[in-house]
Amino acid sequence: EVQLVESGGGLVQAGGSLRLSCEASGLAFVDYAIGWFRQAPGKEREGVSCISSGHGTTYYADSVKGRFTISSNNAKNTVYLQMNNLKPEDTAVYFCAASRFYSPSSYYAAFVDYWGQGTQVTVSS
């Protein structure tokens, strides 16, 4: 079975940093783009960042460019999201996602084949 397991969420003050991890199993890691969505209460789930190791490219939402960095360790089937200079508006549940389809210019929930369970990130002011 396919599993995506997130970790690394928590509570941090504005300006601080967190690193999220997503460990994938049950799928061919290099055949999927692996990334992150986030969803705040009352808001739509939005794409944050994605990496395609097969293409060697990444995607970032405009709201996180320059602050977040996505990376992967293919040997460990793990993707990381380093989040720096966090802002209160980054507060959300962050979901790992696996997609057969990849685009370097957009990232939508319709692309997603598998979801993780989510991890809470809370940024205080």
PDB file of N, CA and C in Angstrom:
ATOM      1  N   GLU A   1       0.820  -1.164   0.000  1.00  0.00           N
ATOM      2  CA  GLU A   1       0.000   0.000   0.000  1.00  0.00           C
ATOM      3  C   GLU A   1       0.877   1.245   0.000  1.00  0.00           C
ATOM      4  N   VAL A   2       0.316   2.329  -0.543  1.00  0.00           N
ATOM      5  CA  VAL A   2       1.023   3.591  -0.604  1.00  0.00           C
ATOM      6  C   VAL A   2       0.809   4.347   0.700  1.00  0.00           C
ATOM      7  N   GLN A   3       1.889   4.859   1.256  1.00  0.00           N
ATOM      8  CA  GLN A   3       1.815   5.678   2.450  1.00  0.00           C
ATOM      9  C   GLN A   3       2.722   6.888   2.314  1.00  0.00           C
ATOM     10  N   LEU A   4       2.225   8.029   2.759  1.00  0.00           N
ATOM     11  CA  LEU A   4       3.000   9.252   2.873  1.00  0.00           C
ATOM     12  C   LEU A   4       2.884   9.710   4.314  1.00  0.00           C
ATOM     13  N   VAL A   5       3.998   9.777   5.016  1.00  0.00           N
ATOM     14  CA  VAL A   5       3.993  10.079   6.440  1.00  0.00           C
ATOM     15  C   VAL A   5       4.755  11.371   6.683  1.00  0.00           C
ATOM     16  N   GLU A   6       4.044  12.393   7.170  1.00  0.00           N
ATOM     17  CA  GLU A   6       4.645  13.690   7.449  1.00  0.00           C
ATOM     18  C   GLU A   6       5.113  13.769   8.896  1.00  0.00           C
ATOM     19  N   SER A   7       6.112  14.607   9.116  1.00  0.00           N
ATOM     20  CA  SER A   7       6.561  14.920  10.458  1.00  0.00           C
ATOM     21  C   SER A   7       7.228  16.294  10.440  1.00  0.00           C
ATOM     22  N   GLY A   8       7.419  16.871  11.615  1.00  0.00           N
ATOM     23  CA  GLY A   8       8.153  18.116  11.740  1.00  0.00           C
ATOM     24  C   GLY A   8       7.323  19.350  12.020  1.00  0.00           C
ATOM     25  N   GLY A   9       6.001  19.220  12.027  1.00  0.00           N
ATOM     26  CA  GLY A   9       5.167  20.362  12.343  1.00  0.00           C
ATOM     27  C   GLY A   9       5.282  20.748  13.806  1.00  0.00           C
ATOM     28  N   GLY A  10       4.760  21.923  14.129  1.00  0.00           N
ATOM     29  CA  GLY A  10       4.803  22.393  15.498  1.00  0.00           C
ATOM     30  C   GLY A  10       4.469  23.858  15.604  1.00  0.00           C
ATOM     31  N   LEU A  11       4.802  24.422  16.743  1.00  0.00           N
ATOM     32  CA  LEU A  11       4.547  25.824  17.052  1.00  0.00           C
ATOM     33  C   LEU A  11       5.853  26.595  17.017  1.00  0.00           C
ATOM     34  N   VAL A  12       5.856  27.720  16.313  1.00  0.00           N
ATOM     35  CA  VAL A  12       7.047  28.541  16.199  1.00  0.00           C
ATOM     36  C   VAL A  12       6.636  30.010  16.155  1.00  0.00           C
ATOM     37  N   GLN A  13       7.508  30.888  16.640  1.00  0.00           N
ATOM     38  CA  GLN A  13       7.248  32.322  16.561  1.00  0.00           C
ATOM     39  C   GLN A  13       7.551  32.854  15.170  1.00  0.00           C
ATOM     40  N   ALA A  14       6.891  33.949  14.818  1.00  0.00           N
ATOM     41  CA  ALA A  14       7.163  34.600  13.540  1.00  0.00           C
ATOM     42  C   ALA A  14       8.648  34.877  13.387  1.00  0.00           C
ATOM     43  N   GLY A  15       9.161  34.588  12.195  1.00  0.00           N
ATOM     44  CA  GLY A  15      10.574  34.731  11.925  1.00  0.00           C
ATOM     45  C   GLY A  15      11.376  33.473  12.162  1.00  0.00           C
ATOM     46  N   GLY A  16      10.776  32.480  12.777  1.00  0.00           N
ATOM     47  CA  GLY A  16      11.458  31.235  13.060  1.00  0.00           C
ATOM     48  C   GLY A  16      11.418  30.270  11.895  1.00  0.00           C
ATOM     49  N   SER A  17      11.926  29.061  12.138  1.00  0.00           N
ATOM     50  CA  SER A  17      12.060  28.056  11.091  1.00  0.00           C
ATOM     51  C   SER A  17      11.558  26.703  11.560  1.00  0.00           C
ATOM     52  N   LEU A  18      11.093  25.916  10.608  1.00  0.00           N
ATOM     53  CA  LEU A  18      10.742  24.522  10.812  1.00  0.00           C
ATOM     54  C   LEU A  18      11.153  23.739   9.573  1.00  0.00           C
ATOM     55  N   ARG A  19      11.391  22.446   9.737  1.00  0.00           N
ATOM     56  CA  ARG A  19      11.629  21.571   8.607  1.00  0.00           C
ATOM     57  C   ARG A  19      10.644  20.419   8.647  1.00  0.00           C
ATOM     58  N   LEU A  20       9.850  20.299   7.592  1.00  0.00           N
ATOM     59  CA  LEU A  20       8.911  19.200   7.450  1.00  0.00           C
ATOM     60  C   LEU A  20       9.554  18.065   6.666  1.00  0.00           C
ATOM     61  N   SER A  21       9.172  16.839   7.006  1.00  0.00           N
ATOM     62  CA  SER A  21       9.641  15.664   6.293  1.00  0.00           C
ATOM     63  C   SER A  21       8.448  14.850   5.812  1.00  0.00           C
ATOM     64  N   CYS A  22       8.590  14.239   4.653  1.00  0.00           N
ATOM     65  CA  CYS A  22       7.582  13.328   4.114  1.00  0.00           C
ATOM     66  C   CYS A  22       8.296  12.071   3.646  1.00  0.00           C
ATOM     67  N   GLU A  23       8.008  10.962   4.306  1.00  0.00           N
ATOM     68  CA  GLU A  23       8.579   9.683   3.917  1.00  0.00           C
ATOM     69  C   GLU A  23       7.546   8.897   3.113  1.00  0.00           C
ATOM     70  N   ALA A  24       7.905   8.514   1.905  1.00  0.00           N
ATOM     71  CA  ALA A  24       7.007   7.797   1.014  1.00  0.00           C
ATOM     72  C   ALA A  24       7.353   6.315   0.981  1.00  0.00           C
ATOM     73  N   SER A  25       6.330   5.480   0.875  1.00  0.00           N
ATOM     74  CA  SER A  25       6.531   4.048   0.731  1.00  0.00           C
ATOM     75  C   SER A  25       5.422   3.478  -0.148  1.00  0.00           C
ATOM     76  N   GLY A  26       5.692   2.324  -0.752  1.00  0.00           N
ATOM     77  CA  GLY A  26       4.694   1.658  -1.575  1.00  0.00           C
ATOM     78  C   GLY A  26       4.549   2.214  -2.977  1.00  0.00           C
ATOM     79  N   LEU A  27       5.432   3.113  -3.376  1.00  0.00           N
ATOM     80  CA  LEU A  27       5.409   3.633  -4.730  1.00  0.00           C
ATOM     81  C   LEU A  27       6.825   3.796  -5.248  1.00  0.00           C
ATOM     82  N   ALA A  28       6.931   3.928  -6.560  1.00  0.00           N
ATOM     83  CA  ALA A  28       8.228   4.171  -7.175  1.00  0.00           C
ATOM     84  C   ALA A  28       8.542   5.652  -7.031  1.00  0.00           C
ATOM     85  N   PHE A  29       9.393   5.964  -6.085  1.00  0.00           N
ATOM     86  CA  PHE A  29       9.640   7.346  -5.689  1.00  0.00           C
ATOM     87  C   PHE A  29      10.017   8.239  -6.858  1.00  0.00           C
ATOM     88  N   VAL A  30      10.880   7.775  -7.721  1.00  0.00           N
ATOM     89  CA  VAL A  30      11.363   8.622  -8.804  1.00  0.00           C
ATOM     90  C   VAL A  30      10.327   8.819  -9.900  1.00  0.00           C
ATOM     91  N   ASP A  31       9.224   8.067  -9.877  1.00  0.00           N
ATOM     92  CA  ASP A  31       8.173   8.207 -10.881  1.00  0.00           C
ATOM     93  C   ASP A  31       7.095   9.203 -10.471  1.00  0.00           C
ATOM     94  N   TYR A  32       7.192   9.766  -9.283  1.00  0.00           N
ATOM     95  CA  TYR A  32       6.203  10.704  -8.773  1.00  0.00           C
ATOM     96  C   TYR A  32       6.854  12.019  -8.397  1.00  0.00           C
ATOM     97  N   ALA A  33       6.127  13.104  -8.611  1.00  0.00           N
ATOM     98  CA  ALA A  33       6.459  14.371  -7.994  1.00  0.00           C
ATOM     99  C   ALA A  33       5.918  14.364  -6.569  1.00  0.00           C
ATOM    100  N   ILE A  34       6.752  14.742  -5.616  1.00  0.00           N
ATOM    101  CA  ILE A  34       6.371  14.759  -4.207  1.00  0.00           C
ATOM    102  C   ILE A  34       6.414  16.196  -3.717  1.00  0.00           C
ATOM    103  N   GLY A  35       5.363  16.616  -3.017  1.00  0.00           N
ATOM    104  CA  GLY A  35       5.347  17.992  -2.556  1.00  0.00           C
ATOM    105  C   GLY A  35       4.405  18.215  -1.406  1.00  0.00           C
ATOM    106  N   TRP A  36       4.065  19.499  -1.215  1.00  0.00           N
ATOM    107  CA  TRP A  36       3.308  19.929  -0.058  1.00  0.00           C
ATOM    108  C   TRP A  36       2.178  20.864  -0.440  1.00  0.00           C
ATOM    109  N   PHE A  37       1.009  20.612   0.129  1.00  0.00           N
ATOM    110  CA  PHE A  37      -0.112  21.535   0.134  1.00  0.00           C
ATOM    111  C   PHE A  37      -0.340  21.996   1.563  1.00  0.00           C
ATOM    112  N   ARG A  38      -1.081  23.083   1.703  1.00  0.00           N
ATOM    113  CA  ARG A  38      -1.481  23.523   3.038  1.00  0.00           C
ATOM    114  C   ARG A  38      -2.919  24.001   3.007  1.00  0.00           C
ATOM    115  N   GLN A  39      -3.583  23.891   4.161  1.00  0.00           N
ATOM    116  CA  GLN A  39      -4.973  24.300   4.265  1.00  0.00           C
ATOM    117  C   GLN A  39      -5.222  24.902   5.645  1.00  0.00           C
ATOM    118  N   ALA A  40      -5.643  26.155   5.646  1.00  0.00           N
ATOM    119  CA  ALA A  40      -6.053  26.840   6.858  1.00  0.00           C
ATOM    120  C   ALA A  40      -7.565  26.721   7.008  1.00  0.00           C
ATOM    121  N   PRO A  41      -8.094  26.842   8.230  1.00  0.00           N
ATOM    122  CA  PRO A  41      -9.537  26.735   8.427  1.00  0.00           C
ATOM    123  C   PRO A  41     -10.311  27.709   7.544  1.00  0.00           C
ATOM    124  N   GLY A  42     -11.329  27.201   6.850  1.00  0.00           N
ATOM    125  CA  GLY A  42     -12.162  28.025   6.000  1.00  0.00           C
ATOM    126  C   GLY A  42     -11.556  28.398   4.668  1.00  0.00           C
ATOM    127  N   LYS A  43     -10.370  27.892   4.356  1.00  0.00           N
ATOM    128  CA  LYS A  43      -9.717  28.221   3.101  1.00  0.00           C
ATOM    129  C   LYS A  43      -9.494  26.968   2.263  1.00  0.00           C
ATOM    130  N   GLU A  44      -9.301  27.184   0.971  1.00  0.00           N
ATOM    131  CA  GLU A  44      -9.021  26.078   0.066  1.00  0.00           C
ATOM    132  C   GLU A  44      -7.617  25.547   0.288  1.00  0.00           C
ATOM    133  N   ARG A  45      -7.439  24.283  -0.026  1.00  0.00           N
ATOM    134  CA  ARG A  45      -6.121  23.692   0.005  1.00  0.00           C
ATOM    135  C   ARG A  45      -5.289  24.259  -1.147  1.00  0.00           C
ATOM    136  N   GLU A  46      -4.099  24.755  -0.834  1.00  0.00           N
ATOM    137  CA  GLU A  46      -3.267  25.380  -1.847  1.00  0.00           C
ATOM    138  C   GLU A  46      -1.916  24.693  -1.958  1.00  0.00           C
ATOM    139  N   GLY A  47      -1.421  24.634  -3.177  1.00  0.00           N
ATOM    140  CA  GLY A  47      -0.109  24.066  -3.412  1.00  0.00           C
ATOM    141  C   GLY A  47       0.985  24.984  -2.930  1.00  0.00           C
ATOM    142  N   VAL A  48       1.957  24.432  -2.221  1.00  0.00           N
ATOM    143  CA  VAL A  48       3.058  25.195  -1.641  1.00  0.00           C
ATOM    144  C   VAL A  48       4.345  24.977  -2.416  1.00  0.00           C
ATOM    145  N   SER A  49       4.729  23.720  -2.577  1.00  0.00           N
ATOM    146  CA  SER A  49       5.989  23.406  -3.232  1.00  0.00           C
ATOM    147  C   SER A  49       5.982  21.954  -3.670  1.00  0.00           C
ATOM    148  N   CYS A  50       6.766  21.659  -4.691  1.00  0.00           N
ATOM    149  CA  CYS A  50       6.820  20.307  -5.226  1.00  0.00           C
ATOM    150  C   CYS A  50       8.184  20.078  -5.850  1.00  0.00           C
ATOM    151  N   ILE A  51       8.637  18.837  -5.798  1.00  0.00           N
ATOM    152  CA  ILE A  51       9.905  18.474  -6.419  1.00  0.00           C
ATOM    153  C   ILE A  51       9.717  17.216  -7.258  1.00  0.00           C
ATOM    154  N   SER A  52      10.323  17.230  -8.435  1.00  0.00           N
ATOM    155  CA  SER A  52      10.344  16.064  -9.306  1.00  0.00           C
ATOM    156  C   SER A  52      11.795  15.642  -9.475  1.00  0.00           C
ATOM    157  N   SER A  53      12.173  14.570  -8.813  1.00  0.00           N
ATOM    158  CA  SER A  53      13.552  14.107  -8.940  1.00  0.00           C
ATOM    159  C   SER A  53      13.829  13.583 -10.339  1.00  0.00           C
ATOM    160  N   GLY A  54      12.795  13.020 -11.007  1.00  0.00           N
ATOM    161  CA  GLY A  54      12.961  12.536 -12.362  1.00  0.00           C
ATOM    162  C   GLY A  54      13.267  13.642 -13.344  1.00  0.00           C
ATOM    163  N   HIS A  55      12.641  14.801 -13.154  1.00  0.00           N
ATOM    164  CA  HIS A  55      12.883  15.959 -14.016  1.00  0.00           C
ATOM    165  C   HIS A  55      13.994  16.856 -13.488  1.00  0.00           C
ATOM    166  N   GLY A  56      14.322  16.723 -12.210  1.00  0.00           N
ATOM    167  CA  GLY A  56      15.330  17.571 -11.606  1.00  0.00           C
ATOM    168  C   GLY A  56      14.901  19.013 -11.457  1.00  0.00           C
ATOM    169  N   THR A  57      13.613  19.240 -11.213  1.00  0.00           N
ATOM    170  CA  THR A  57      13.074  20.592 -11.116  1.00  0.00           C
ATOM    171  C   THR A  57      12.170  20.725  -9.900  1.00  0.00           C
ATOM    172  N   THR A  58      11.879  21.976  -9.541  1.00  0.00           N
ATOM    173  CA  THR A  58      11.042  22.282  -8.388  1.00  0.00           C
ATOM    174  C   THR A  58      10.017  23.351  -8.729  1.00  0.00           C
ATOM    175  N   TYR A  59       8.965  23.411  -7.893  1.00  0.00           N
ATOM    176  CA  TYR A  59       7.941  24.442  -7.984  1.00  0.00           C
ATOM    177  C   TYR A  59       7.765  25.074  -6.615  1.00  0.00           C
ATOM    178  N   TYR A  60       7.553  26.407  -6.605  1.00  0.00           N
ATOM    179  CA  TYR A  60       7.221  27.125  -5.380  1.00  0.00           C
ATOM    180  C   TYR A  60       6.079  28.094  -5.645  1.00  0.00           C
ATOM    181  N   ALA A  61       5.135  28.143  -4.716  1.00  0.00           N
ATOM    182  CA  ALA A  61       4.130  29.188  -4.763  1.00  0.00           C
ATOM    183  C   ALA A  61       4.789  30.544  -4.535  1.00  0.00           C
ATOM    184  N   ASP A  62       4.232  31.583  -5.153  1.00  0.00           N
ATOM    185  CA  ASP A  62       4.813  32.915  -5.015  1.00  0.00           C
ATOM    186  C   ASP A  62       4.912  33.355  -3.554  1.00  0.00           C
ATOM    187  N   SER A  63       3.963  32.939  -2.742  1.00  0.00           N
ATOM    188  CA  SER A  63       3.916  33.367  -1.354  1.00  0.00           C
ATOM    189  C   SER A  63       5.061  32.824  -0.506  1.00  0.00           C
ATOM    190  N   VAL A  64       5.742  31.789  -0.980  1.00  0.00           N
ATOM    191  CA  VAL A  64       6.816  31.188  -0.185  1.00  0.00           C
ATOM    192  C   VAL A  64       8.180  31.272  -0.851  1.00  0.00           C
ATOM    193  N   LYS A  65       8.255  31.789  -2.057  1.00  0.00           N
ATOM    194  CA  LYS A  65       9.537  31.893  -2.745  1.00  0.00           C
ATOM    195  C   LYS A  65      10.520  32.730  -1.932  1.00  0.00           C
ATOM    196  N   GLY A  66      11.724  32.234  -1.833  1.00  0.00           N
ATOM    197  CA  GLY A  66      12.749  32.916  -1.066  1.00  0.00           C
ATOM    198  C   GLY A  66      12.758  32.578   0.403  1.00  0.00           C
ATOM    199  N   ARG A  67      11.710  31.919   0.892  1.00  0.00           N
ATOM    200  CA  ARG A  67      11.621  31.548   2.305  1.00  0.00           C
ATOM    201  C   ARG A  67      11.641  30.036   2.512  1.00  0.00           C
ATOM    202  N   PHE A  68      11.023  29.288   1.603  1.00  0.00           N
ATOM    203  CA  PHE A  68      10.933  27.833   1.716  1.00  0.00           C
ATOM    204  C   PHE A  68      11.846  27.180   0.687  1.00  0.00           C
ATOM    205  N   THR A  69      12.400  26.032   1.049  1.00  0.00           N
ATOM    206  CA  THR A  69      13.229  25.260   0.145  1.00  0.00           C
ATOM    207  C   THR A  69      12.834  23.792   0.221  1.00  0.00           C
ATOM    208  N   ILE A  70      12.563  23.194  -0.932  1.00  0.00           N
ATOM    209  CA  ILE A  70      12.213  21.781  -0.975  1.00  0.00           C
ATOM    210  C   ILE A  70      13.427  20.989  -1.460  1.00  0.00           C
ATOM    211  N   SER A  71      13.613  19.808  -0.908  1.00  0.00           N
ATOM    212  CA  SER A  71      14.716  18.947  -1.297  1.00  0.00           C
ATOM    213  C   SER A  71      14.301  17.496  -1.108  1.00  0.00           C
ATOM    214  N   SER A  72      15.103  16.583  -1.637  1.00  0.00           N
ATOM    215  CA  SER A  72      14.770  15.169  -1.534  1.00  0.00           C
ATOM    216  C   SER A  72      16.012  14.338  -1.282  1.00  0.00           C
ATOM    217  N   ASN A  73      15.807  13.224  -0.628  1.00  0.00           N
ATOM    218  CA  ASN A  73      16.822  12.197  -0.467  1.00  0.00           C
ATOM    219  C   ASN A  73      16.212  10.927  -1.055  1.00  0.00           C
ATOM    220  N   ASN A  74      16.567  10.629  -2.289  1.00  0.00           N
ATOM    221  CA  ASN A  74      15.928   9.523  -2.992  1.00  0.00           C
ATOM    222  C   ASN A  74      16.236   8.171  -2.347  1.00  0.00           C
ATOM    223  N   ALA A  75      17.416   8.026  -1.788  1.00  0.00           N
ATOM    224  CA  ALA A  75      17.772   6.769  -1.136  1.00  0.00           C
ATOM    225  C   ALA A  75      16.881   6.489   0.060  1.00  0.00           C
ATOM    226  N   LYS A  76      16.396   7.543   0.714  1.00  0.00           N
ATOM    227  CA  LYS A  76      15.515   7.403   1.872  1.00  0.00           C
ATOM    228  C   LYS A  76      14.046   7.569   1.517  1.00  0.00           C
ATOM    229  N   ASN A  77      13.739   7.793   0.240  1.00  0.00           N
ATOM    230  CA  ASN A  77      12.364   8.053  -0.200  1.00  0.00           C
ATOM    231  C   ASN A  77      11.714   9.152   0.637  1.00  0.00           C
ATOM    232  N   THR A  78      12.460  10.213   0.866  1.00  0.00           N
ATOM    233  CA  THR A  78      12.011  11.278   1.748  1.00  0.00           C
ATOM    234  C   THR A  78      12.176  12.633   1.079  1.00  0.00           C
ATOM    235  N   VAL A  79      11.168  13.484   1.243  1.00  0.00           N
ATOM    236  CA  VAL A  79      11.191  14.861   0.769  1.00  0.00           C
ATOM    237  C   VAL A  79      11.106  15.783   1.972  1.00  0.00           C
ATOM    238  N   TYR A  80      11.858  16.874   1.931  1.00  0.00           N
ATOM    239  CA  TYR A  80      11.917  17.827   3.019  1.00  0.00           C
ATOM    240  C   TYR A  80      11.440  19.194   2.549  1.00  0.00           C
ATOM    241  N   LEU A  81      10.835  19.936   3.457  1.00  0.00           N
ATOM    242  CA  LEU A  81      10.479  21.320   3.207  1.00  0.00           C
ATOM    243  C   LEU A  81      11.061  22.164   4.332  1.00  0.00           C
ATOM    244  N   GLN A  82      12.126  22.886   4.016  1.00  0.00           N
ATOM    245  CA  GLN A  82      12.733  23.801   4.973  1.00  0.00           C
ATOM    246  C   GLN A  82      11.993  25.125   4.896  1.00  0.00           C
ATOM    247  N   MET A  83      11.415  25.556   6.004  1.00  0.00           N
ATOM    248  CA  MET A  83      10.603  26.757   6.063  1.00  0.00           C
ATOM    249  C   MET A  83      11.300  27.765   6.960  1.00  0.00           C
ATOM    250  N   ASN A  84      11.759  28.858   6.360  1.00  0.00           N
ATOM    251  CA  ASN A  84      12.445  29.914   7.088  1.00  0.00           C
ATOM    252  C   ASN A  84      11.615  31.188   7.081  1.00  0.00           C
ATOM    253  N   ASN A  85      11.926  32.088   8.018  1.00  0.00           N
ATOM    254  CA  ASN A  85      11.223  33.365   8.129  1.00  0.00           C
ATOM    255  C   ASN A  85       9.712  33.167   8.102  1.00  0.00           C
ATOM    256  N   LEU A  86       9.244  32.282   8.944  1.00  0.00           N
ATOM    257  CA  LEU A  86       7.820  31.953   8.962  1.00  0.00           C
ATOM    258  C   LEU A  86       6.974  33.146   9.398  1.00  0.00           C
ATOM    259  N   LYS A  87       5.783  33.227   8.809  1.00  0.00           N
ATOM    260  CA  LYS A  87       4.835  34.288   9.075  1.00  0.00           C
ATOM    261  C   LYS A  87       3.545  33.699   9.630  1.00  0.00           C
ATOM    262  N   PRO A  88       2.755  34.483  10.384  1.00  0.00           N
ATOM    263  CA  PRO A  88       1.481  33.956  10.893  1.00  0.00           C
ATOM    264  C   PRO A  88       0.582  33.418   9.787  1.00  0.00           C
ATOM    265  N   GLU A  89       0.622  34.004   8.602  1.00  0.00           N
ATOM    266  CA  GLU A  89      -0.209  33.529   7.506  1.00  0.00           C
ATOM    267  C   GLU A  89       0.238  32.182   6.950  1.00  0.00           C
ATOM    268  N   ASP A  90       1.376  31.672   7.395  1.00  0.00           N
ATOM    269  CA  ASP A  90       1.794  30.320   7.039  1.00  0.00           C
ATOM    270  C   ASP A  90       1.104  29.261   7.889  1.00  0.00           C
ATOM    271  N   THR A  91       0.383  29.680   8.922  1.00  0.00           N
ATOM    272  CA  THR A  91      -0.305  28.739   9.800  1.00  0.00           C
ATOM    273  C   THR A  91      -1.323  27.927   9.013  1.00  0.00           C
ATOM    274  N   ALA A  92      -1.224  26.610   9.091  1.00  0.00           N
ATOM    275  CA  ALA A  92      -2.099  25.717   8.340  1.00  0.00           C
ATOM    276  C   ALA A  92      -1.743  24.280   8.682  1.00  0.00           C
ATOM    277  N   VAL A  93      -2.594  23.364   8.229  1.00  0.00           N
ATOM    278  CA  VAL A  93      -2.216  21.959   8.184  1.00  0.00           C
ATOM    279  C   VAL A  93      -1.496  21.731   6.867  1.00  0.00           C
ATOM    280  N   TYR A  94      -0.324  21.140   6.934  1.00  0.00           N
ATOM    281  CA  TYR A  94       0.483  20.874   5.752  1.00  0.00           C
ATOM    282  C   TYR A  94       0.378  19.396   5.395  1.00  0.00           C
ATOM    283  N   PHE A  95       0.054  19.130   4.136  1.00  0.00           N
ATOM    284  CA  PHE A  95      -0.141  17.775   3.641  1.00  0.00           C
ATOM    285  C   PHE A  95       0.916  17.420   2.610  1.00  0.00           C
ATOM    286  N   CYS A  96       1.542  16.289   2.787  1.00  0.00           N
ATOM    287  CA  CYS A  96       2.394  15.739   1.750  1.00  0.00           C
ATOM    288  C   CYS A  96       1.523  15.142   0.647  1.00  0.00           C
ATOM    289  N   ALA A  97       2.000  15.205  -0.590  1.00  0.00           N
ATOM    290  CA  ALA A  97       1.227  14.732  -1.725  1.00  0.00           C
ATOM    291  C   ALA A  97       2.145  14.126  -2.773  1.00  0.00           C
ATOM    292  N   ALA A  98       1.652  13.093  -3.446  1.00  0.00           N
ATOM    293  CA  ALA A  98       2.378  12.432  -4.525  1.00  0.00           C
ATOM    294  C   ALA A  98       1.562  12.510  -5.804  1.00  0.00           C
ATOM    295  N   SER A  99       2.211  12.917  -6.895  1.00  0.00           N
ATOM    296  CA  SER A  99       1.530  13.140  -8.159  1.00  0.00           C
ATOM    297  C   SER A  99       2.308  12.512  -9.299  1.00  0.00           C
ATOM    298  N   ARG A 100       1.617  11.770 -10.154  1.00  0.00           N
ATOM    299  CA  ARG A 100       2.255  11.282 -11.373  1.00  0.00           C
ATOM    300  C   ARG A 100       2.530  12.432 -12.335  1.00  0.00           C
ATOM    301  N   PHE A 101       1.598  13.397 -12.352  1.00  0.00           N
ATOM    302  CA  PHE A 101       1.740  14.555 -13.219  1.00  0.00           C
ATOM    303  C   PHE A 101       2.547  15.632 -12.519  1.00  0.00           C
ATOM    304  N   TYR A 102       3.441  16.282 -13.273  1.00  0.00           N
ATOM    305  CA  TYR A 102       4.258  17.357 -12.725  1.00  0.00           C
ATOM    306  C   TYR A 102       4.323  18.519 -13.698  1.00  0.00           C
ATOM    307  N   SER A 103       4.236  19.725 -13.149  1.00  0.00           N
ATOM    308  CA  SER A 103       4.460  20.943 -13.911  1.00  0.00           C
ATOM    309  C   SER A 103       5.354  21.863 -13.097  1.00  0.00           C
ATOM    310  N   PRO A 104       6.345  22.490 -13.737  1.00  0.00           N
ATOM    311  CA  PRO A 104       7.197  23.427 -12.998  1.00  0.00           C
ATOM    312  C   PRO A 104       6.547  24.780 -12.758  1.00  0.00           C
ATOM    313  N   SER A 105       5.356  25.020 -13.315  1.00  0.00           N
ATOM    314  CA  SER A 105       4.733  26.333 -13.240  1.00  0.00           C
ATOM    315  C   SER A 105       3.411  26.364 -12.484  1.00  0.00           C
ATOM    316  N   SER A 106       2.894  25.219 -12.057  1.00  0.00           N
ATOM    317  CA  SER A 106       1.640  25.195 -11.306  1.00  0.00           C
ATOM    318  C   SER A 106       1.559  23.933 -10.462  1.00  0.00           C
ATOM    319  N   TYR A 107       0.698  23.967  -9.430  1.00  0.00           N
ATOM    320  CA  TYR A 107       0.564  22.830  -8.523  1.00  0.00           C
ATOM    321  C   TYR A 107      -0.843  22.859  -7.941  1.00  0.00           C
ATOM    322  N   TYR A 108      -1.678  21.945  -8.387  1.00  0.00           N
ATOM    323  CA  TYR A 108      -3.075  21.912  -8.003  1.00  0.00           C
ATOM    324  C   TYR A 108      -3.431  20.567  -7.387  1.00  0.00           C
ATOM    325  N   ALA A 109      -4.458  20.584  -6.524  1.00  0.00           N
ATOM    326  CA  ALA A 109      -4.894  19.359  -5.868  1.00  0.00           C
ATOM    327  C   ALA A 109      -5.348  18.304  -6.868  1.00  0.00           C
ATOM    328  N   ALA A 110      -5.837  18.727  -8.032  1.00  0.00           N
ATOM    329  CA  ALA A 110      -6.276  17.777  -9.044  1.00  0.00           C
ATOM    330  C   ALA A 110      -5.132  16.918  -9.565  1.00  0.00           C
ATOM    331  N   PHE A 111      -3.899  17.381  -9.377  1.00  0.00           N
ATOM    332  CA  PHE A 111      -2.743  16.594  -9.797  1.00  0.00           C
ATOM    333  C   PHE A 111      -2.492  15.393  -8.894  1.00  0.00           C
ATOM    334  N   VAL A 112      -3.035  15.407  -7.676  1.00  0.00           N
ATOM    335  CA  VAL A 112      -2.564  14.524  -6.615  1.00  0.00           C
ATOM    336  C   VAL A 112      -3.197  13.144  -6.696  1.00  0.00           C
ATOM    337  N   ASP A 113      -2.349  12.121  -6.586  1.00  0.00           N
ATOM    338  CA  ASP A 113      -2.802  10.737  -6.539  1.00  0.00           C
ATOM    339  C   ASP A 113      -2.880  10.192  -5.115  1.00  0.00           C
ATOM    340  N   TYR A 114      -1.992  10.641  -4.236  1.00  0.00           N
ATOM    341  CA  TYR A 114      -1.951  10.159  -2.864  1.00  0.00           C
ATOM    342  C   TYR A 114      -1.679  11.317  -1.919  1.00  0.00           C
ATOM    343  N   TRP A 115      -2.324  11.262  -0.737  1.00  0.00           N
ATOM    344  CA  TRP A 115      -2.175  12.287   0.291  1.00  0.00           C
ATOM    345  C   TRP A 115      -1.634  11.699   1.584  1.00  0.00           C
ATOM    346  N   GLY A 116      -0.849  12.492   2.293  1.00  0.00           N
ATOM    347  CA  GLY A 116      -0.486  12.171   3.657  1.00  0.00           C
ATOM    348  C   GLY A 116      -1.565  12.619   4.619  1.00  0.00           C
ATOM    349  N   GLN A 117      -1.343  12.361   5.903  1.00  0.00           N
ATOM    350  CA  GLN A 117      -2.360  12.631   6.917  1.00  0.00           C
ATOM    351  C   GLN A 117      -2.378  14.083   7.383  1.00  0.00           C
ATOM    352  N   GLY A 118      -1.329  14.822   7.123  1.00  0.00           N
ATOM    353  CA  GLY A 118      -1.244  16.214   7.514  1.00  0.00           C
ATOM    354  C   GLY A 118      -0.498  16.424   8.814  1.00  0.00           C
ATOM    355  N   THR A 119       0.183  17.559   8.914  1.00  0.00           N
ATOM    356  CA  THR A 119       0.860  17.960  10.135  1.00  0.00           C
ATOM    357  C   THR A 119       0.617  19.448  10.360  1.00  0.00           C
ATOM    358  N   GLN A 120       0.311  19.822  11.608  1.00  0.00           N
ATOM    359  CA  GLN A 120      -0.052  21.194  11.923  1.00  0.00           C
ATOM    360  C   GLN A 120       1.188  22.065  12.070  1.00  0.00           C
ATOM    361  N   VAL A 121       1.162  23.216  11.405  1.00  0.00           N
ATOM    362  CA  VAL A 121       2.174  24.253  11.584  1.00  0.00           C
ATOM    363  C   VAL A 121       1.464  25.497  12.095  1.00  0.00           C
ATOM    364  N   THR A 122       1.891  26.000  13.246  1.00  0.00           N
ATOM    365  CA  THR A 122       1.307  27.190  13.825  1.00  0.00           C
ATOM    366  C   THR A 122       2.401  28.223  14.059  1.00  0.00           C
ATOM    367  N   VAL A 123       2.208  29.415  13.508  1.00  0.00           N
ATOM    368  CA  VAL A 123       3.178  30.495  13.630  1.00  0.00           C
ATOM    369  C   VAL A 123       2.528  31.614  14.435  1.00  0.00           C
ATOM    370  N   SER A 124       3.087  31.919  15.575  1.00  0.00           N
ATOM    371  CA  SER A 124       2.544  32.948  16.444  1.00  0.00           C
ATOM    372  C   SER A 124       3.183  34.291  16.139  1.00  0.00           C
ATOM    373  N   SER A 125       2.455  35.362  16.444  1.00  0.00           N
ATOM    374  CA  SER A 125       2.950  36.710  16.208  1.00  0.00           C
ATOM    375  C   SER A 125       3.713  37.257  17.394  1.00  0.00           C
TER     376      SER A 125
END
